[in-house]
């Protein structure tokens, strides 16, 4: 589904219902063109569509209409995921006077250090980290008001705790720089077609990937059935080796990685990321060595 192009003559969003096949649940998939909604708008829309007090399924506006067929299967992208209790990430954040977002990026840096070839870990690697420029007066469910900061992941630092400290300092300095406000002023002058072109453009060669994050603040339900888990499938931009997304919902945090199928080793990253998060939250030694994480496959 995610690999299908968004047709210009159809709505830029869609919903798909998939049966789990075992009778124990089902999946509701929501897809939207990134130029029509950014991550904040997507989260807001889902929380409005799926309120916890909803006891019945919504009535179709066109009862005579037909459900669309299942999208054709494609094999352009792979998806891999790891989940940890949200409290595990909060514990790591409290110990380092950091944020959950800092822990997400630090665990990504630690995972990449043990995943990348040694010669790629001689200096930091850059990833694109989207951020919202939404203002209180903005309509929260429509439009793309997202900018991108380039974060230097310190894969050259062998100490996972030091990686977390470095990223926390980097993120605090960025927040104090006024970059969010400057980006918003630029976005206010851009037309939608230019936003689409920018999102389709290749990144510089030294940008390894994209690292997004989404936070769902309220419980959700579908026709009275409680939503038990939320997984984000991040957009995979041209020129990136991978894209990742942290999604927090209820008591759980999940991180997904997507990449083109010609990069199968990306499937190793979720387990490495989870190992790093648990290390940061529970190891009092605070001295990371290459033996602290699984060695990458040859």
Protein backbone atom coordinates (compact mmCIF):
# COMPACT_ATOMS: atom_id res chain seq x y z
CA UNK A 1 0.00 0.00 0.00
CA UNK A 2 2.70 2.46 0.96
CA UNK A 3 4.49 1.86 -2.33
CA UNK A 4 1.54 2.90 -4.47
CA UNK A 5 1.74 6.37 -6.04
CA UNK A 6 -0.85 8.93 -4.99
CA UNK A 7 -3.00 9.66 -8.03
CA UNK A 8 -3.51 13.30 -8.90
CA UNK A 9 -7.21 12.74 -9.72
CA UNK A 10 -8.02 11.10 -6.36
CA UNK A 11 -7.98 12.27 -2.73
CA UNK A 12 -4.53 12.54 -1.22
CA UNK A 13 -5.47 10.27 1.69
CA UNK A 14 -7.07 6.87 2.21
CA UNK A 15 -8.03 4.23 4.80
CA UNK A 16 -7.58 0.47 4.47
CA UNK A 17 -9.00 -2.21 6.79
CA UNK A 18 -7.01 -5.44 7.00
CA UNK A 19 -8.11 -8.56 8.87
CA UNK A 20 -5.43 -10.14 11.02
CA UNK A 21 -6.49 -13.57 9.77
CA UNK A 22 -6.58 -15.15 13.23
CA UNK A 23 -9.79 -13.55 14.49
CA UNK A 24 -8.00 -11.68 17.27
CA UNK A 25 -7.94 -8.22 15.75
CA UNK A 26 -7.48 -6.15 12.65
CA UNK A 27 -5.36 -3.34 11.29
CA UNK A 28 -6.61 0.05 10.15
CA UNK A 29 -4.08 1.68 7.84
CA UNK A 30 -4.09 5.40 7.13
CA UNK A 31 -2.07 6.84 4.26
CA UNK A 32 -1.74 10.48 3.24
CA UNK A 33 0.49 12.42 0.88
CA UNK A 34 3.15 14.24 2.89
CA UNK A 35 2.47 17.49 1.05
CA UNK A 36 -1.14 17.40 2.29
CA UNK A 37 -0.36 16.54 5.91
CA UNK A 38 2.72 16.53 8.06
CA UNK A 39 3.20 14.26 11.06
CA UNK A 40 1.41 16.56 13.51
CA UNK A 41 -1.61 16.83 11.23
CA UNK A 42 -1.67 13.08 10.75
CA UNK A 43 -1.66 12.44 14.50
CA UNK A 44 -4.42 15.01 15.03
CA UNK A 45 -6.56 13.51 12.27
CA UNK A 46 -6.32 9.96 13.60
CA UNK A 47 -7.16 11.08 17.11
CA UNK A 48 -10.24 12.90 15.77
CA UNK A 49 -11.31 9.99 13.56
CA UNK A 50 -10.86 7.37 16.29
CA UNK A 51 -12.03 8.87 19.61
CA UNK A 52 -12.12 6.45 22.53
CA UNK A 53 -15.85 7.05 23.09
CA UNK A 54 -16.82 5.94 19.59
CA UNK A 55 -19.24 3.02 20.02
CA UNK A 56 -20.32 2.53 16.43
CA UNK A 57 -18.66 2.56 13.06
CA UNK A 58 -19.09 5.79 11.05
CA UNK A 59 -21.89 5.78 8.46
CA UNK A 60 -20.78 5.83 4.84
CA UNK A 61 -21.72 9.04 3.07
CA UNK A 62 -22.35 7.03 -0.10
CA UNK A 63 -23.89 3.67 0.92
CA UNK A 64 -24.19 2.65 -2.73
CA UNK A 65 -20.48 3.07 -3.28
CA UNK A 66 -18.10 0.13 -3.35
CA UNK A 67 -15.04 -0.51 -1.25
CA UNK A 68 -11.84 -0.16 -3.20
CA UNK A 69 -9.90 -3.31 -3.96
CA UNK A 70 -6.73 -4.25 -2.16
CA UNK A 71 -3.76 -2.35 -3.64
CA UNK A 72 -1.47 -4.50 -5.78
CA UNK A 73 1.45 -5.99 -3.91
CA UNK A 74 4.85 -4.49 -4.55
CA UNK A 75 8.31 -5.24 -3.19
CA UNK A 76 9.98 -1.85 -3.38
CA UNK A 77 10.39 -1.35 0.36
CA UNK A 78 11.02 -3.40 3.47
CA UNK A 79 9.79 -2.67 7.00
CA UNK A 80 11.21 -3.75 10.36
CA UNK A 81 10.14 -2.78 13.87
CA UNK A 82 11.08 -2.96 17.55
CA UNK A 83 8.99 -1.96 20.58
CA UNK A 84 9.88 -1.19 24.19
CA UNK A 85 7.79 -0.02 27.15
CA UNK A 86 7.67 3.78 27.09
CA UNK A 87 8.81 3.83 30.71
CA UNK A 88 12.10 2.25 29.64
CA UNK A 89 12.82 5.28 27.45
CA UNK A 90 11.65 7.69 30.15
CA UNK A 91 14.00 6.06 32.65
CA UNK A 92 16.95 6.56 30.32
CA UNK A 93 15.88 10.18 29.74
CA UNK A 94 15.62 10.92 33.48
CA UNK A 95 19.06 9.46 34.17
CA UNK A 96 20.68 11.72 31.61
CA UNK A 97 18.51 14.83 32.09
CA UNK A 98 17.39 14.33 28.50
CA UNK A 99 14.15 13.84 26.57
CA UNK A 100 12.58 10.70 25.12
CA UNK A 101 13.42 12.13 21.68
CA UNK A 102 17.08 12.43 22.72
CA UNK A 103 17.05 8.78 23.82
CA UNK A 104 15.53 7.75 20.48
CA UNK A 105 18.34 9.45 18.55
CA UNK A 106 21.07 8.27 20.93
CA UNK A 107 19.92 4.66 20.58
CA UNK A 108 19.90 5.14 16.82
CA UNK A 109 23.49 6.45 16.98
CA UNK A 110 24.56 3.48 19.12
CA UNK A 111 22.83 1.04 16.77
CA UNK A 112 24.47 2.57 13.71
CA UNK A 113 27.90 2.49 15.35
CA UNK A 114 27.69 -1.29 15.56
CA UNK A 115 25.97 -1.67 12.20
CA UNK A 116 28.00 0.53 9.89
CA UNK A 117 31.41 -0.52 8.58
CA UNK A 118 34.20 0.70 10.90
CA UNK A 119 35.47 3.22 8.35
CA UNK A 120 32.05 4.98 8.41
CA UNK A 121 32.34 5.49 12.17
CA UNK A 122 35.42 7.71 12.12
CA UNK A 123 33.23 10.84 12.22
CA UNK A 124 29.56 11.66 12.92
CA UNK A 125 26.93 10.81 10.32
CA UNK A 126 24.09 13.15 9.53
CA UNK A 127 20.37 12.34 9.52
CA UNK A 128 17.42 14.53 8.71
CA UNK A 129 15.08 15.10 11.69
CA UNK A 130 11.71 16.71 10.84
CA UNK A 131 10.23 19.26 13.24
CA UNK A 132 6.84 20.97 13.38
CA UNK A 133 6.41 24.71 12.91
CA UNK A 134 2.69 24.60 13.81
CA UNK A 135 1.33 27.70 15.54
CA UNK A 136 -1.64 27.78 17.97
CA UNK A 137 -3.78 29.65 15.42
CA UNK A 138 -3.10 27.14 12.62
CA UNK A 139 -5.61 24.58 11.44
CA UNK A 140 -4.17 21.40 12.95
CA UNK A 141 -5.44 18.81 10.44
CA UNK A 142 -4.33 20.14 7.07
CA UNK A 143 -1.14 21.28 5.42
CA UNK A 144 2.55 20.64 5.76
CA UNK A 145 4.27 22.89 8.24
CA UNK A 146 7.37 20.85 8.84
CA UNK A 147 11.01 21.76 8.59
CA UNK A 148 14.12 19.62 8.77
CA UNK A 149 17.18 19.91 10.93
CA UNK A 150 20.36 18.02 10.16
CA UNK A 151 21.52 16.17 13.25
CA UNK A 152 25.04 14.81 13.57
CA UNK A 153 24.75 11.36 15.13
CA UNK A 154 28.01 10.78 17.07
CA UNK A 155 28.77 7.29 15.79
CA UNK A 156 32.45 8.06 16.36
CA UNK A 157 31.80 8.13 20.13
CA UNK A 158 32.10 4.64 21.69
CA UNK A 159 30.30 5.54 24.94
CA UNK A 160 26.51 5.30 24.55
CA UNK A 161 25.93 7.61 27.52
CA UNK A 162 28.26 10.18 26.01
CA UNK A 163 26.32 9.89 22.75
CA UNK A 164 23.12 10.72 24.64
CA UNK A 165 24.71 13.73 26.32
CA UNK A 166 26.07 15.04 23.01
CA UNK A 167 22.71 14.74 21.28
CA UNK A 168 20.89 16.39 24.17
CA UNK A 169 23.27 19.37 23.98
CA UNK A 170 22.92 19.53 20.20
CA UNK A 171 19.11 19.53 20.36
CA UNK A 172 18.97 22.16 23.12
CA UNK A 173 21.26 24.45 21.15
CA UNK A 174 19.09 24.06 18.06
CA UNK A 175 15.90 24.92 19.99
CA UNK A 176 17.53 28.11 21.28
CA UNK A 177 18.73 29.17 17.83
CA UNK A 178 15.38 30.39 16.47
CA UNK A 179 15.56 27.99 13.51
CA UNK A 180 11.95 26.88 14.00
CA UNK A 181 10.64 30.43 13.59
CA UNK A 182 12.86 31.14 10.58
CA UNK A 183 11.70 27.94 8.87
CA UNK A 184 8.05 28.82 9.43
CA UNK A 185 8.51 32.19 7.74
CA UNK A 186 9.99 30.43 4.70
CA UNK A 187 7.21 27.82 4.56
CA UNK A 188 4.55 30.52 4.63
CA UNK A 189 5.89 31.78 1.29
CA UNK A 190 6.08 28.39 -0.46
CA UNK A 191 3.43 27.00 -2.78
CA UNK A 192 2.29 23.37 -2.40
CA UNK A 193 3.94 22.36 -5.68
CA UNK A 194 7.30 23.55 -4.38
CA UNK A 195 6.79 21.57 -1.17
CA UNK A 196 6.15 18.42 -3.21
CA UNK A 197 9.24 19.02 -5.34
CA UNK A 198 11.38 19.54 -2.24
CA UNK A 199 10.16 16.30 -0.68
CA UNK A 200 10.92 14.38 -3.85
CA UNK A 201 14.45 15.76 -4.19
CA UNK A 202 17.49 13.67 -3.36
CA UNK A 203 19.40 14.48 -0.20
CA UNK A 204 23.12 15.24 -0.16
CA UNK A 205 25.32 12.15 -0.22
CA UNK A 206 26.38 12.64 3.42
CA UNK A 207 22.82 12.45 4.79
CA UNK A 208 22.35 8.84 5.83
CA UNK A 209 18.62 8.80 6.57
CA UNK A 210 15.60 10.41 8.13
CA UNK A 211 14.53 10.05 11.79
CA UNK A 212 10.94 11.13 12.55
CA UNK A 213 8.87 10.89 15.72
CA UNK A 214 5.14 10.89 16.44
CA UNK A 215 3.39 11.15 19.79
CA UNK A 216 -0.22 10.06 20.31
CA UNK A 217 -1.45 11.69 23.52
CA UNK A 218 -4.93 10.17 23.90
CA UNK A 219 -6.33 6.62 23.60
CA UNK A 220 -8.18 5.69 20.41
CA UNK A 221 -10.87 3.19 19.41
CA UNK A 222 -12.46 1.85 16.22
CA UNK A 223 -16.19 1.13 16.48
CA UNK A 224 -15.81 0.49 20.19
CA UNK A 225 -12.69 -1.69 19.84
CA UNK A 226 -9.69 -0.30 21.67
CA UNK A 227 -6.64 0.56 19.57
CA UNK A 228 -3.86 -1.46 21.18
CA UNK A 229 -0.84 -0.35 19.16
CA UNK A 230 0.19 2.26 16.61
CA UNK A 231 3.01 1.80 14.11
CA UNK A 232 4.31 4.51 11.82
CA UNK A 233 5.56 3.77 8.31
CA UNK A 234 7.87 6.70 7.61
CA UNK A 235 8.24 8.19 4.18
CA UNK A 236 11.39 7.04 2.40
CA UNK A 237 12.99 9.99 0.68
CA UNK A 238 15.30 9.86 -2.30
CA UNK A 239 18.97 9.45 -1.53
CA UNK A 240 18.45 8.03 1.98
CA UNK A 241 19.73 4.63 3.06
CA UNK A 242 16.81 4.28 5.48
CA UNK A 243 14.03 6.14 7.25
CA UNK A 244 13.02 5.55 10.85
CA UNK A 245 10.12 6.71 13.00
CA UNK A 246 9.53 6.65 16.74
CA UNK A 247 5.84 6.31 17.62
CA UNK A 248 4.64 6.55 21.23
CA UNK A 249 1.13 5.44 22.13
CA UNK A 250 -0.18 4.45 25.53
CA UNK A 251 2.53 2.65 27.47
CA UNK A 252 4.60 1.62 24.45
CA UNK A 253 7.16 3.10 22.12
CA UNK A 254 7.85 1.53 18.74
CA UNK A 255 10.50 2.38 16.21
CA UNK A 256 10.16 1.33 12.60
CA UNK A 257 12.77 1.27 9.88
CA UNK A 258 12.04 1.26 6.19
CA UNK A 259 14.41 1.01 3.25
CA UNK A 260 14.55 -0.27 -0.28
CA UNK A 261 14.67 -4.04 -0.53
CA UNK A 262 18.20 -3.89 -1.95
CA UNK A 263 19.31 -2.93 1.58
CA UNK A 264 18.20 -6.06 3.52
CA UNK A 265 20.61 -5.47 6.42
CA UNK A 266 18.42 -2.56 7.54
CA UNK A 267 16.29 -5.30 9.14
CA UNK A 268 19.05 -5.64 11.77
CA UNK A 269 18.66 -2.08 13.04
CA UNK A 270 15.50 -2.47 15.20
CA UNK A 271 17.08 -5.12 17.44
CA UNK A 272 20.23 -3.03 17.80
CA UNK A 273 18.14 0.07 18.61
CA UNK A 274 16.16 -1.82 21.27
CA UNK A 275 19.35 -3.20 22.82
CA UNK A 276 20.75 0.33 23.04
CA UNK A 277 17.59 1.74 24.66
CA UNK A 278 17.56 -0.98 27.30
CA UNK A 279 21.26 -0.46 27.94
CA UNK A 280 20.75 3.28 28.49
CA UNK A 281 17.87 2.66 30.87
CA UNK A 282 19.27 -0.14 32.98
CA UNK A 283 23.07 -0.46 32.92
CA UNK A 284 24.70 1.50 35.75
CA UNK A 285 28.20 0.82 34.43
CA UNK A 286 27.74 3.52 31.77
CA UNK A 287 30.75 2.25 29.83
CA UNK A 288 29.77 1.00 26.39
CA UNK A 289 32.08 -1.24 24.44
CA UNK A 290 31.66 -2.94 21.12
CA UNK A 291 30.73 -6.06 23.09
CA UNK A 292 27.71 -4.28 24.61
CA UNK A 293 25.70 -4.81 21.43
CA UNK A 294 25.38 -7.61 18.89
CA UNK A 295 28.06 -7.53 16.24
CA UNK A 296 26.82 -6.71 12.74
CA UNK A 297 26.50 -9.47 10.23
CA UNK A 298 29.34 -9.73 7.71
